[in-house]
Amino acid sequence: MGGNMAKMMKQVQKMQADMMKLQEELGNRTVESSAGGGVVRVVANGKQEIVAVEIKPEAVDPEDVEMLQDLVLTAVNEALKQSREMVSKEMGKLTGGMNIPGLF
């Protein structure tokens, strides 16, 4: 019984080490989203941080600031959604589909 426990603890430690490595890798990976046919582009990393926002001049209409705000909001939310999906997919590969609360 003690041998099984030691083996299980090694597996848990390896999984923890793999997760730490994966978290670091995901911080360097990015996803990109755009809105308004590409006039607003947002890049997010695997830590759900926005790392770039690009707004083309034709998206800036002083008469319609609300549209630009909506485009930025849409692109940001989509980039964050894609980032979460990327993390979930990669974590699923690592954990074999087990949902482990509190990991992300």
PDB file of N, CA and C in Angstrom:
ATOM      1  N   MET A   1       0.834  -1.198   0.000  1.00  0.00           N
ATOM      2  CA  MET A   1       0.000   0.000   0.000  1.00  0.00           C
ATOM      3  C   MET A   1       0.874   1.255   0.000  1.00  0.00           C
ATOM      4  N   GLY A   2       1.966   1.254   0.734  1.00  0.00           N
ATOM      5  CA  GLY A   2       2.867   2.400   0.789  1.00  0.00           C
ATOM      6  C   GLY A   2       3.515   2.693  -0.546  1.00  0.00           C
ATOM      7  N   GLY A   3       3.815   1.648  -1.321  1.00  0.00           N
ATOM      8  CA  GLY A   3       4.428   1.808  -2.639  1.00  0.00           C
ATOM      9  C   GLY A   3       3.501   2.518  -3.608  1.00  0.00           C
ATOM     10  N   ASN A   4       2.212   2.176  -3.527  1.00  0.00           N
ATOM     11  CA  ASN A   4       1.220   2.830  -4.388  1.00  0.00           C
ATOM     12  C   ASN A   4       1.108   4.311  -4.056  1.00  0.00           C
ATOM     13  N   MET A   5       1.165   4.621  -2.759  1.00  0.00           N
ATOM     14  CA  MET A   5       1.044   6.015  -2.329  1.00  0.00           C
ATOM     15  C   MET A   5       2.246   6.821  -2.834  1.00  0.00           C
ATOM     16  N   ALA A   6       3.433   6.251  -2.741  1.00  0.00           N
ATOM     17  CA  ALA A   6       4.646   6.937  -3.207  1.00  0.00           C
ATOM     18  C   ALA A   6       4.576   7.148  -4.719  1.00  0.00           C
ATOM     19  N   LYS A   7       4.084   6.131  -5.424  1.00  0.00           N
ATOM     20  CA  LYS A   7       3.955   6.240  -6.884  1.00  0.00           C
ATOM     21  C   LYS A   7       2.944   7.333  -7.239  1.00  0.00           C
ATOM     22  N   MET A   8       1.848   7.372  -6.518  1.00  0.00           N
ATOM     23  CA  MET A   8       0.821   8.366  -6.772  1.00  0.00           C
ATOM     24  C   MET A   8       1.359   9.781  -6.484  1.00  0.00           C
ATOM     25  N   MET A   9       2.132   9.925  -5.414  1.00  0.00           N
ATOM     26  CA  MET A   9       2.698  11.234  -5.069  1.00  0.00           C
ATOM     27  C   MET A   9       3.666  11.703  -6.162  1.00  0.00           C
ATOM     28  N   LYS A  10       4.442  10.768  -6.726  1.00  0.00           N
ATOM     29  CA  LYS A  10       5.357  11.130  -7.818  1.00  0.00           C
ATOM     30  C   LYS A  10       4.568  11.603  -9.036  1.00  0.00           C
ATOM     31  N   GLN A  11       3.458  10.923  -9.322  1.00  0.00           N
ATOM     32  CA  GLN A  11       2.624  11.316 -10.461  1.00  0.00           C
ATOM     33  C   GLN A  11       2.050  12.722 -10.239  1.00  0.00           C
ATOM     34  N   VAL A  12       1.607  12.989  -9.014  1.00  0.00           N
ATOM     35  CA  VAL A  12       1.048  14.306  -8.681  1.00  0.00           C
ATOM     36  C   VAL A  12       2.129  15.381  -8.819  1.00  0.00           C
ATOM     37  N   GLN A  13       3.326  15.097  -8.319  1.00  0.00           N
ATOM     38  CA  GLN A  13       4.422  16.060  -8.417  1.00  0.00           C
ATOM     39  C   GLN A  13       4.782  16.324  -9.876  1.00  0.00           C
ATOM     40  N   LYS A  14       4.801  15.268 -10.693  1.00  0.00           N
ATOM     41  CA  LYS A  14       5.103  15.446 -12.115  1.00  0.00           C
ATOM     42  C   LYS A  14       4.017  16.296 -12.776  1.00  0.00           C
ATOM     43  N   MET A  15       2.757  16.028 -12.451  1.00  0.00           N
ATOM     44  CA  MET A  15       1.663  16.800 -13.026  1.00  0.00           C
ATOM     45  C   MET A  15       1.788  18.275 -12.623  1.00  0.00           C
ATOM     46  N   GLN A  16       2.145  18.522 -11.357  1.00  0.00           N
ATOM     47  CA  GLN A  16       2.322  19.906 -10.895  1.00  0.00           C
ATOM     48  C   GLN A  16       3.449  20.591 -11.662  1.00  0.00           C
ATOM     49  N   ALA A  17       4.550  19.902 -11.850  1.00  0.00           N
ATOM     50  CA  ALA A  17       5.685  20.456 -12.593  1.00  0.00           C
ATOM     51  C   ALA A  17       5.292  20.721 -14.039  1.00  0.00           C
ATOM     52  N   ASP A  18       4.560  19.785 -14.645  1.00  0.00           N
ATOM     53  CA  ASP A  18       4.099  19.958 -16.022  1.00  0.00           C
ATOM     54  C   ASP A  18       3.155  21.159 -16.132  1.00  0.00           C
ATOM     55  N   MET A  19       2.298  21.340 -15.132  1.00  0.00           N
ATOM     56  CA  MET A  19       1.355  22.465 -15.143  1.00  0.00           C
ATOM     57  C   MET A  19       2.084  23.797 -15.019  1.00  0.00           C
ATOM     58  N   MET A  20       3.108  23.837 -14.166  1.00  0.00           N
ATOM     59  CA  MET A  20       3.884  25.074 -14.019  1.00  0.00           C
ATOM     60  C   MET A  20       4.538  25.433 -15.353  1.00  0.00           C
ATOM     61  N   LYS A  21       5.096  24.423 -16.008  1.00  0.00           N
ATOM     62  CA  LYS A  21       5.742  24.640 -17.306  1.00  0.00           C
ATOM     63  C   LYS A  21       4.711  25.105 -18.336  1.00  0.00           C
ATOM     64  N   LEU A  22       3.541  24.467 -18.329  1.00  0.00           N
ATOM     65  CA  LEU A  22       2.486  24.816 -19.271  1.00  0.00           C
ATOM     66  C   LEU A  22       2.003  26.250 -19.037  1.00  0.00           C
ATOM     67  N   GLN A  23       1.831  26.632 -17.775  1.00  0.00           N
ATOM     68  CA  GLN A  23       1.398  27.997 -17.468  1.00  0.00           C
ATOM     69  C   GLN A  23       2.390  29.007 -18.030  1.00  0.00           C
ATOM     70  N   GLU A  24       3.660  28.715 -17.890  1.00  0.00           N
ATOM     71  CA  GLU A  24       4.699  29.604 -18.413  1.00  0.00           C
ATOM     72  C   GLU A  24       4.607  29.681 -19.944  1.00  0.00           C
ATOM     73  N   GLU A  25       4.454  28.518 -20.576  1.00  0.00           N
ATOM     74  CA  GLU A  25       4.347  28.481 -22.042  1.00  0.00           C
ATOM     75  C   GLU A  25       3.117  29.241 -22.521  1.00  0.00           C
ATOM     76  N   LEU A  26       1.993  29.068 -21.817  1.00  0.00           N
ATOM     77  CA  LEU A  26       0.754  29.726 -22.223  1.00  0.00           C
ATOM     78  C   LEU A  26       0.862  31.240 -22.080  1.00  0.00           C
ATOM     79  N   GLY A  27       1.674  31.701 -21.146  1.00  0.00           N
ATOM     80  CA  GLY A  27       1.898  33.132 -20.994  1.00  0.00           C
ATOM     81  C   GLY A  27       2.593  33.719 -22.209  1.00  0.00           C
ATOM     82  N   ASN A  28       3.323  32.884 -22.941  1.00  0.00           N
ATOM     83  CA  ASN A  28       4.038  33.328 -24.130  1.00  0.00           C
ATOM     84  C   ASN A  28       3.238  33.115 -25.414  1.00  0.00           C
ATOM     85  N   ARG A  29       2.160  32.345 -25.317  1.00  0.00           N
ATOM     86  CA  ARG A  29       1.338  32.086 -26.504  1.00  0.00           C
ATOM     87  C   ARG A  29       0.236  33.128 -26.589  1.00  0.00           C
ATOM     88  N   THR A  30      -0.128  33.479 -27.810  1.00  0.00           N
ATOM     89  CA  THR A  30      -1.148  34.507 -27.974  1.00  0.00           C
ATOM     90  C   THR A  30      -2.266  34.051 -28.901  1.00  0.00           C
ATOM     91  N   VAL A  31      -3.398  34.717 -28.743  1.00  0.00           N
ATOM     92  CA  VAL A  31      -4.532  34.556 -29.642  1.00  0.00           C
ATOM     93  C   VAL A  31      -4.902  35.956 -30.119  1.00  0.00           C
ATOM     94  N   GLU A  32      -5.515  36.018 -31.277  1.00  0.00           N
ATOM     95  CA  GLU A  32      -5.845  37.315 -31.869  1.00  0.00           C
ATOM     96  C   GLU A  32      -7.315  37.352 -32.238  1.00  0.00           C
ATOM     97  N   SER A  33      -7.924  38.499 -32.024  1.00  0.00           N
ATOM     98  CA  SER A  33      -9.315  38.692 -32.380  1.00  0.00           C
ATOM     99  C   SER A  33      -9.440  40.033 -33.088  1.00  0.00           C
ATOM    100  N   SER A  34     -10.436  40.145 -33.963  1.00  0.00           N
ATOM    101  CA  SER A  34     -10.658  41.431 -34.603  1.00  0.00           C
ATOM    102  C   SER A  34     -12.153  41.691 -34.702  1.00  0.00           C
ATOM    103  N   ALA A  35     -12.484  42.953 -34.920  1.00  0.00           N
ATOM    104  CA  ALA A  35     -13.883  43.346 -35.071  1.00  0.00           C
ATOM    105  C   ALA A  35     -13.960  44.412 -36.150  1.00  0.00           C
ATOM    106  N   GLY A  36     -15.156  44.601 -36.688  1.00  0.00           N
ATOM    107  CA  GLY A  36     -15.359  45.623 -37.700  1.00  0.00           C
ATOM    108  C   GLY A  36     -14.596  45.341 -38.977  1.00  0.00           C
ATOM    109  N   GLY A  37     -14.491  44.072 -39.332  1.00  0.00           N
ATOM    110  CA  GLY A  37     -13.775  43.719 -40.550  1.00  0.00           C
ATOM    111  C   GLY A  37     -12.280  43.936 -40.459  1.00  0.00           C
ATOM    112  N   GLY A  38     -11.773  43.921 -39.234  1.00  0.00           N
ATOM    113  CA  GLY A  38     -10.327  44.034 -39.035  1.00  0.00           C
ATOM    114  C   GLY A  38      -9.839  45.429 -38.672  1.00  0.00           C
ATOM    115  N   VAL A  39     -10.765  46.394 -38.507  1.00  0.00           N
ATOM    116  CA  VAL A  39     -10.308  47.747 -38.161  1.00  0.00           C
ATOM    117  C   VAL A  39      -9.871  47.846 -36.699  1.00  0.00           C
ATOM    118  N   VAL A  40     -10.335  46.901 -35.875  1.00  0.00           N
ATOM    119  CA  VAL A  40      -9.883  46.805 -34.485  1.00  0.00           C
ATOM    120  C   VAL A  40      -9.352  45.394 -34.291  1.00  0.00           C
ATOM    121  N   ARG A  41      -8.104  45.312 -33.793  1.00  0.00           N
ATOM    122  CA  ARG A  41      -7.462  44.011 -33.583  1.00  0.00           C
ATOM    123  C   ARG A  41      -6.920  43.977 -32.162  1.00  0.00           C
ATOM    124  N   VAL A  42      -7.161  42.849 -31.472  1.00  0.00           N
ATOM    125  CA  VAL A  42      -6.721  42.686 -30.090  1.00  0.00           C
ATOM    126  C   VAL A  42      -5.978  41.362 -29.964  1.00  0.00           C
ATOM    127  N   VAL A  43      -4.848  41.396 -29.245  1.00  0.00           N
ATOM    128  CA  VAL A  43      -4.062  40.193 -28.994  1.00  0.00           C
ATOM    129  C   VAL A  43      -4.036  39.959 -27.488  1.00  0.00           C
ATOM    130  N   ALA A  44      -4.319  38.714 -27.080  1.00  0.00           N
ATOM    131  CA  ALA A  44      -4.276  38.334 -25.665  1.00  0.00           C
ATOM    132  C   ALA A  44      -3.331  37.154 -25.514  1.00  0.00           C
ATOM    133  N   ASN A  45      -2.730  37.028 -24.322  1.00  0.00           N
ATOM    134  CA  ASN A  45      -1.874  35.870 -24.072  1.00  0.00           C
ATOM    135  C   ASN A  45      -2.623  34.830 -23.253  1.00  0.00           C
ATOM    136  N   GLY A  46      -1.948  33.731 -22.952  1.00  0.00           N
ATOM    137  CA  GLY A  46      -2.564  32.634 -22.209  1.00  0.00           C
ATOM    138  C   GLY A  46      -2.783  32.915 -20.739  1.00  0.00           C
ATOM    139  N   LYS A  47      -2.406  34.099 -20.299  1.00  0.00           N
ATOM    140  CA  LYS A  47      -2.683  34.514 -18.912  1.00  0.00           C
ATOM    141  C   LYS A  47      -3.883  35.454 -18.872  1.00  0.00           C
ATOM    142  N   GLN A  48      -4.648  35.475 -19.956  1.00  0.00           N
ATOM    143  CA  GLN A  48      -5.801  36.359 -20.112  1.00  0.00           C
ATOM    144  C   GLN A  48      -5.415  37.826 -19.931  1.00  0.00           C
ATOM    145  N   GLU A  49      -4.258  38.192 -20.456  1.00  0.00           N
ATOM    146  CA  GLU A  49      -3.818  39.585 -20.455  1.00  0.00           C
ATOM    147  C   GLU A  49      -3.872  40.090 -21.890  1.00  0.00           C
ATOM    148  N   ILE A  50      -4.359  41.308 -22.068  1.00  0.00           N
ATOM    149  CA  ILE A  50      -4.350  41.928 -23.382  1.00  0.00           C
ATOM    150  C   ILE A  50      -2.941  42.458 -23.599  1.00  0.00           C
ATOM    151  N   VAL A  51      -2.293  42.027 -24.677  1.00  0.00           N
ATOM    152  CA  VAL A  51      -0.911  42.433 -24.919  1.00  0.00           C
ATOM    153  C   VAL A  51      -0.785  43.420 -26.081  1.00  0.00           C
ATOM    154  N   ALA A  52      -1.844  43.562 -26.890  1.00  0.00           N
ATOM    155  CA  ALA A  52      -1.802  44.529 -27.979  1.00  0.00           C
ATOM    156  C   ALA A  52      -3.216  44.901 -28.406  1.00  0.00           C
ATOM    157  N   VAL A  53      -3.393  46.178 -28.733  1.00  0.00           N
ATOM    158  CA  VAL A  53      -4.634  46.678 -29.303  1.00  0.00           C
ATOM    159  C   VAL A  53      -4.240  47.540 -30.501  1.00  0.00           C
ATOM    160  N   GLU A  54      -4.817  47.241 -31.646  1.00  0.00           N
ATOM    161  CA  GLU A  54      -4.522  48.012 -32.856  1.00  0.00           C
ATOM    162  C   GLU A  54      -5.838  48.555 -33.406  1.00  0.00           C
ATOM    163  N   ILE A  55      -5.880  49.859 -33.616  1.00  0.00           N
ATOM    164  CA  ILE A  55      -7.073  50.507 -34.161  1.00  0.00           C
ATOM    165  C   ILE A  55      -6.653  51.243 -35.425  1.00  0.00           C
ATOM    166  N   LYS A  56      -7.225  50.857 -36.545  1.00  0.00           N
ATOM    167  CA  LYS A  56      -6.894  51.513 -37.817  1.00  0.00           C
ATOM    168  C   LYS A  56      -7.589  52.877 -37.877  1.00  0.00           C
ATOM    169  N   PRO A  57      -6.946  53.827 -38.499  1.00  0.00           N
ATOM    170  CA  PRO A  57      -7.494  55.187 -38.561  1.00  0.00           C
ATOM    171  C   PRO A  57      -8.939  55.261 -39.060  1.00  0.00           C
ATOM    172  N   GLU A  58      -9.299  54.397 -40.015  1.00  0.00           N
ATOM    173  CA  GLU A  58     -10.666  54.459 -40.554  1.00  0.00           C
ATOM    174  C   GLU A  58     -11.733  54.056 -39.519  1.00  0.00           C
ATOM    175  N   ALA A  59     -11.302  53.455 -38.398  1.00  0.00           N
ATOM    176  CA  ALA A  59     -12.252  53.092 -37.346  1.00  0.00           C
ATOM    177  C   ALA A  59     -12.587  54.289 -36.459  1.00  0.00           C
ATOM    178  N   VAL A  60     -11.804  55.341 -36.577  1.00  0.00           N
ATOM    179  CA  VAL A  60     -11.980  56.503 -35.702  1.00  0.00           C
ATOM    180  C   VAL A  60     -12.879  57.531 -36.386  1.00  0.00           C
ATOM    181  N   ASP A  61     -14.098  57.599 -35.893  1.00  0.00           N
ATOM    182  CA  ASP A  61     -15.064  58.578 -36.392  1.00  0.00           C
ATOM    183  C   ASP A  61     -15.504  59.424 -35.201  1.00  0.00           C
ATOM    184  N   PRO A  62     -15.054  60.690 -35.139  1.00  0.00           N
ATOM    185  CA  PRO A  62     -15.412  61.543 -33.997  1.00  0.00           C
ATOM    186  C   PRO A  62     -16.918  61.679 -33.802  1.00  0.00           C
ATOM    187  N   GLU A  63     -17.669  61.452 -34.878  1.00  0.00           N
ATOM    188  CA  GLU A  63     -19.130  61.551 -34.794  1.00  0.00           C
ATOM    189  C   GLU A  63     -19.755  60.276 -34.215  1.00  0.00           C
ATOM    190  N   ASP A  64     -18.989  59.183 -34.155  1.00  0.00           N
ATOM    191  CA  ASP A  64     -19.545  57.908 -33.701  1.00  0.00           C
ATOM    192  C   ASP A  64     -18.529  57.165 -32.826  1.00  0.00           C
ATOM    193  N   VAL A  65     -18.192  57.759 -31.705  1.00  0.00           N
ATOM    194  CA  VAL A  65     -17.240  57.165 -30.773  1.00  0.00           C
ATOM    195  C   VAL A  65     -17.803  55.871 -30.189  1.00  0.00           C
ATOM    196  N   GLU A  66     -19.116  55.808 -30.009  1.00  0.00           N
ATOM    197  CA  GLU A  66     -19.741  54.609 -29.431  1.00  0.00           C
ATOM    198  C   GLU A  66     -19.470  53.369 -30.281  1.00  0.00           C
ATOM    199  N   MET A  67     -19.463  53.519 -31.611  1.00  0.00           N
ATOM    200  CA  MET A  67     -19.198  52.364 -32.468  1.00  0.00           C
ATOM    201  C   MET A  67     -17.777  51.848 -32.235  1.00  0.00           C
ATOM    202  N   LEU A  68     -16.821  52.753 -32.133  1.00  0.00           N
ATOM    203  CA  LEU A  68     -15.437  52.353 -31.877  1.00  0.00           C
ATOM    204  C   LEU A  68     -15.332  51.651 -30.521  1.00  0.00           C
ATOM    205  N   GLN A  69     -16.001  52.204 -29.525  1.00  0.00           N
ATOM    206  CA  GLN A  69     -15.990  51.569 -28.201  1.00  0.00           C
ATOM    207  C   GLN A  69     -16.567  50.158 -28.281  1.00  0.00           C
ATOM    208  N   ASP A  70     -17.656  49.988 -29.020  1.00  0.00           N
ATOM    209  CA  ASP A  70     -18.271  48.664 -29.178  1.00  0.00           C
ATOM    210  C   ASP A  70     -17.330  47.695 -29.891  1.00  0.00           C
ATOM    211  N   LEU A  71     -16.639  48.180 -30.925  1.00  0.00           N
ATOM    212  CA  LEU A  71     -15.701  47.320 -31.661  1.00  0.00           C
ATOM    213  C   LEU A  71     -14.558  46.865 -30.755  1.00  0.00           C
ATOM    214  N   VAL A  72     -14.014  47.801 -29.962  1.00  0.00           N
ATOM    215  CA  VAL A  72     -12.923  47.450 -29.043  1.00  0.00           C
ATOM    216  C   VAL A  72     -13.418  46.447 -28.011  1.00  0.00           C
ATOM    217  N   LEU A  73     -14.586  46.702 -27.444  1.00  0.00           N
ATOM    218  CA  LEU A  73     -15.156  45.803 -26.436  1.00  0.00           C
ATOM    219  C   LEU A  73     -15.372  44.401 -27.014  1.00  0.00           C
ATOM    220  N   THR A  74     -15.926  44.337 -28.210  1.00  0.00           N
ATOM    221  CA  THR A  74     -16.168  43.044 -28.863  1.00  0.00           C
ATOM    222  C   THR A  74     -14.859  42.295 -29.089  1.00  0.00           C
ATOM    223  N   ALA A  75     -13.865  43.000 -29.626  1.00  0.00           N
ATOM    224  CA  ALA A  75     -12.579  42.351 -29.923  1.00  0.00           C
ATOM    225  C   ALA A  75     -11.883  41.900 -28.646  1.00  0.00           C
ATOM    226  N   VAL A  76     -11.922  42.715 -27.588  1.00  0.00           N
ATOM    227  CA  VAL A  76     -11.287  42.348 -26.313  1.00  0.00           C
ATOM    228  C   VAL A  76     -11.958  41.118 -25.722  1.00  0.00           C
ATOM    229  N   ASN A  77     -13.282  41.125 -25.668  1.00  0.00           N
ATOM    230  CA  ASN A  77     -13.992  39.983 -25.087  1.00  0.00           C
ATOM    231  C   ASN A  77     -13.748  38.702 -25.869  1.00  0.00           C
ATOM    232  N   GLU A  78     -13.699  38.800 -27.188  1.00  0.00           N
ATOM    233  CA  GLU A  78     -13.442  37.616 -28.017  1.00  0.00           C
ATOM    234  C   GLU A  78     -12.017  37.104 -27.805  1.00  0.00           C
ATOM    235  N   ALA A  79     -11.055  38.019 -27.710  1.00  0.00           N
ATOM    236  CA  ALA A  79      -9.664  37.607 -27.475  1.00  0.00           C
ATOM    237  C   ALA A  79      -9.540  36.907 -26.122  1.00  0.00           C
ATOM    238  N   LEU A  80     -10.190  37.436 -25.101  1.00  0.00           N
ATOM    239  CA  LEU A  80     -10.133  36.798 -23.775  1.00  0.00           C
ATOM    240  C   LEU A  80     -10.819  35.433 -23.806  1.00  0.00           C
ATOM    241  N   LYS A  81     -11.924  35.325 -24.529  1.00  0.00           N
ATOM    242  CA  LYS A  81     -12.628  34.031 -24.654  1.00  0.00           C
ATOM    243  C   LYS A  81     -11.713  33.009 -25.334  1.00  0.00           C
ATOM    244  N   GLN A  82     -11.061  33.430 -26.434  1.00  0.00           N
ATOM    245  CA  GLN A  82     -10.156  32.519 -27.142  1.00  0.00           C
ATOM    246  C   GLN A  82      -8.982  32.111 -26.248  1.00  0.00           C
ATOM    247  N   SER A  83      -8.503  33.040 -25.441  1.00  0.00           N
ATOM    248  CA  SER A  83      -7.402  32.744 -24.524  1.00  0.00           C
ATOM    249  C   SER A  83      -7.826  31.689 -23.504  1.00  0.00           C
ATOM    250  N   ARG A  84      -9.019  31.869 -22.928  1.00  0.00           N
ATOM    251  CA  ARG A  84      -9.523  30.893 -21.947  1.00  0.00           C
ATOM    252  C   ARG A  84      -9.691  29.519 -22.591  1.00  0.00           C
ATOM    253  N   GLU A  85     -10.213  29.500 -23.827  1.00  0.00           N
ATOM    254  CA  GLU A  85     -10.399  28.220 -24.528  1.00  0.00           C
ATOM    255  C   GLU A  85      -9.060  27.541 -24.800  1.00  0.00           C
ATOM    256  N   MET A  86      -8.049  28.328 -25.174  1.00  0.00           N
ATOM    257  CA  MET A  86      -6.722  27.775 -25.431  1.00  0.00           C
ATOM    258  C   MET A  86      -6.164  27.150 -24.152  1.00  0.00           C
ATOM    259  N   VAL A  87      -6.290  27.860 -23.040  1.00  0.00           N
ATOM    260  CA  VAL A  87      -5.792  27.364 -21.758  1.00  0.00           C
ATOM    261  C   VAL A  87      -6.541  26.088 -21.363  1.00  0.00           C
ATOM    262  N   SER A  88      -7.843  26.118 -21.486  1.00  0.00           N
ATOM    263  CA  SER A  88      -8.658  24.961 -21.113  1.00  0.00           C
ATOM    264  C   SER A  88      -8.285  23.732 -21.945  1.00  0.00           C
ATOM    265  N   LYS A  89      -8.096  23.940 -23.237  1.00  0.00           N
ATOM    266  CA  LYS A  89      -7.732  22.838 -24.136  1.00  0.00           C
ATOM    267  C   LYS A  89      -6.371  22.250 -23.753  1.00  0.00           C
ATOM    268  N   GLU A  90      -5.388  23.124 -23.518  1.00  0.00           N
ATOM    269  CA  GLU A  90      -4.043  22.651 -23.171  1.00  0.00           C
ATOM    270  C   GLU A  90      -4.034  21.976 -21.799  1.00  0.00           C
ATOM    271  N   MET A  91      -4.768  22.528 -20.844  1.00  0.00           N
ATOM    272  CA  MET A  91      -4.839  21.917 -19.508  1.00  0.00           C
ATOM    273  C   MET A  91      -5.537  20.564 -19.592  1.00  0.00           C
ATOM    274  N   GLY A  92      -6.553  20.472 -20.452  1.00  0.00           N
ATOM    275  CA  GLY A  92      -7.264  19.209 -20.633  1.00  0.00           C
ATOM    276  C   GLY A  92      -6.343  18.116 -21.138  1.00  0.00           C
ATOM    277  N   LYS A  93      -5.409  18.480 -22.036  1.00  0.00           N
ATOM    278  CA  LYS A  93      -4.436  17.502 -22.537  1.00  0.00           C
ATOM    279  C   LYS A  93      -3.565  17.000 -21.386  1.00  0.00           C
ATOM    280  N   LEU A  94      -3.198  17.910 -20.506  1.00  0.00           N
ATOM    281  CA  LEU A  94      -2.288  17.585 -19.407  1.00  0.00           C
ATOM    282  C   LEU A  94      -2.972  16.751 -18.326  1.00  0.00           C
ATOM    283  N   THR A  95      -4.227  17.086 -18.027  1.00  0.00           N
ATOM    284  CA  THR A  95      -4.915  16.413 -16.932  1.00  0.00           C
ATOM    285  C   THR A  95      -5.769  15.253 -17.399  1.00  0.00           C
ATOM    286  N   GLY A  96      -5.718  14.975 -18.698  1.00  0.00           N
ATOM    287  CA  GLY A  96      -6.512  13.862 -19.233  1.00  0.00           C
ATOM    288  C   GLY A  96      -7.998  14.129 -19.139  1.00  0.00           C
ATOM    289  N   GLY A  97      -8.367  15.423 -19.155  1.00  0.00           N
ATOM    290  CA  GLY A  97      -9.779  15.775 -19.111  1.00  0.00           C
ATOM    291  C   GLY A  97     -10.345  15.901 -17.719  1.00  0.00           C
ATOM    292  N   MET A  98      -9.534  15.587 -16.690  1.00  0.00           N
ATOM    293  CA  MET A  98     -10.017  15.744 -15.314  1.00  0.00           C
ATOM    294  C   MET A  98     -10.191  17.220 -15.030  1.00  0.00           C
ATOM    295  N   ASN A  99     -11.302  17.584 -14.420  1.00  0.00           N
ATOM    296  CA  ASN A  99     -11.514  18.972 -14.034  1.00  0.00           C
ATOM    297  C   ASN A  99     -11.033  19.137 -12.606  1.00  0.00           C
ATOM    298  N   ILE A 100      -9.904  19.817 -12.451  1.00  0.00           N
ATOM    299  CA  ILE A 100      -9.326  19.999 -11.128  1.00  0.00           C
ATOM    300  C   ILE A 100      -9.576  21.437 -10.704  1.00  0.00           C
ATOM    301  N   PRO A 101     -10.461  21.641  -9.736  1.00  0.00           N
ATOM    302  CA  PRO A 101     -10.819  23.003  -9.331  1.00  0.00           C
ATOM    303  C   PRO A 101      -9.605  23.800  -8.850  1.00  0.00           C
ATOM    304  N   GLY A 102      -9.622  25.077  -9.160  1.00  0.00           N
ATOM    305  CA  GLY A 102      -8.590  25.972  -8.652  1.00  0.00           C
ATOM    306  C   GLY A 102      -7.303  25.993  -9.441  1.00  0.00           C
ATOM    307  N   LEU A 103      -7.223  25.248 -10.548  1.00  0.00           N
ATOM    308  CA  LEU A 103      -5.976  25.246 -11.319  1.00  0.00           C
ATOM    309  C   LEU A 103      -5.849  26.504 -12.146  1.00  0.00           C
ATOM    310  N   PHE A 104      -6.956  26.963 -12.704  1.00  0.00           N
ATOM    311  CA  PHE A 104      -6.927  28.187 -13.509  1.00  0.00           C
ATOM    312  C   PHE A 104      -8.151  29.001 -13.223  1.00  0.00           C
TER     313      PHE A 104
END
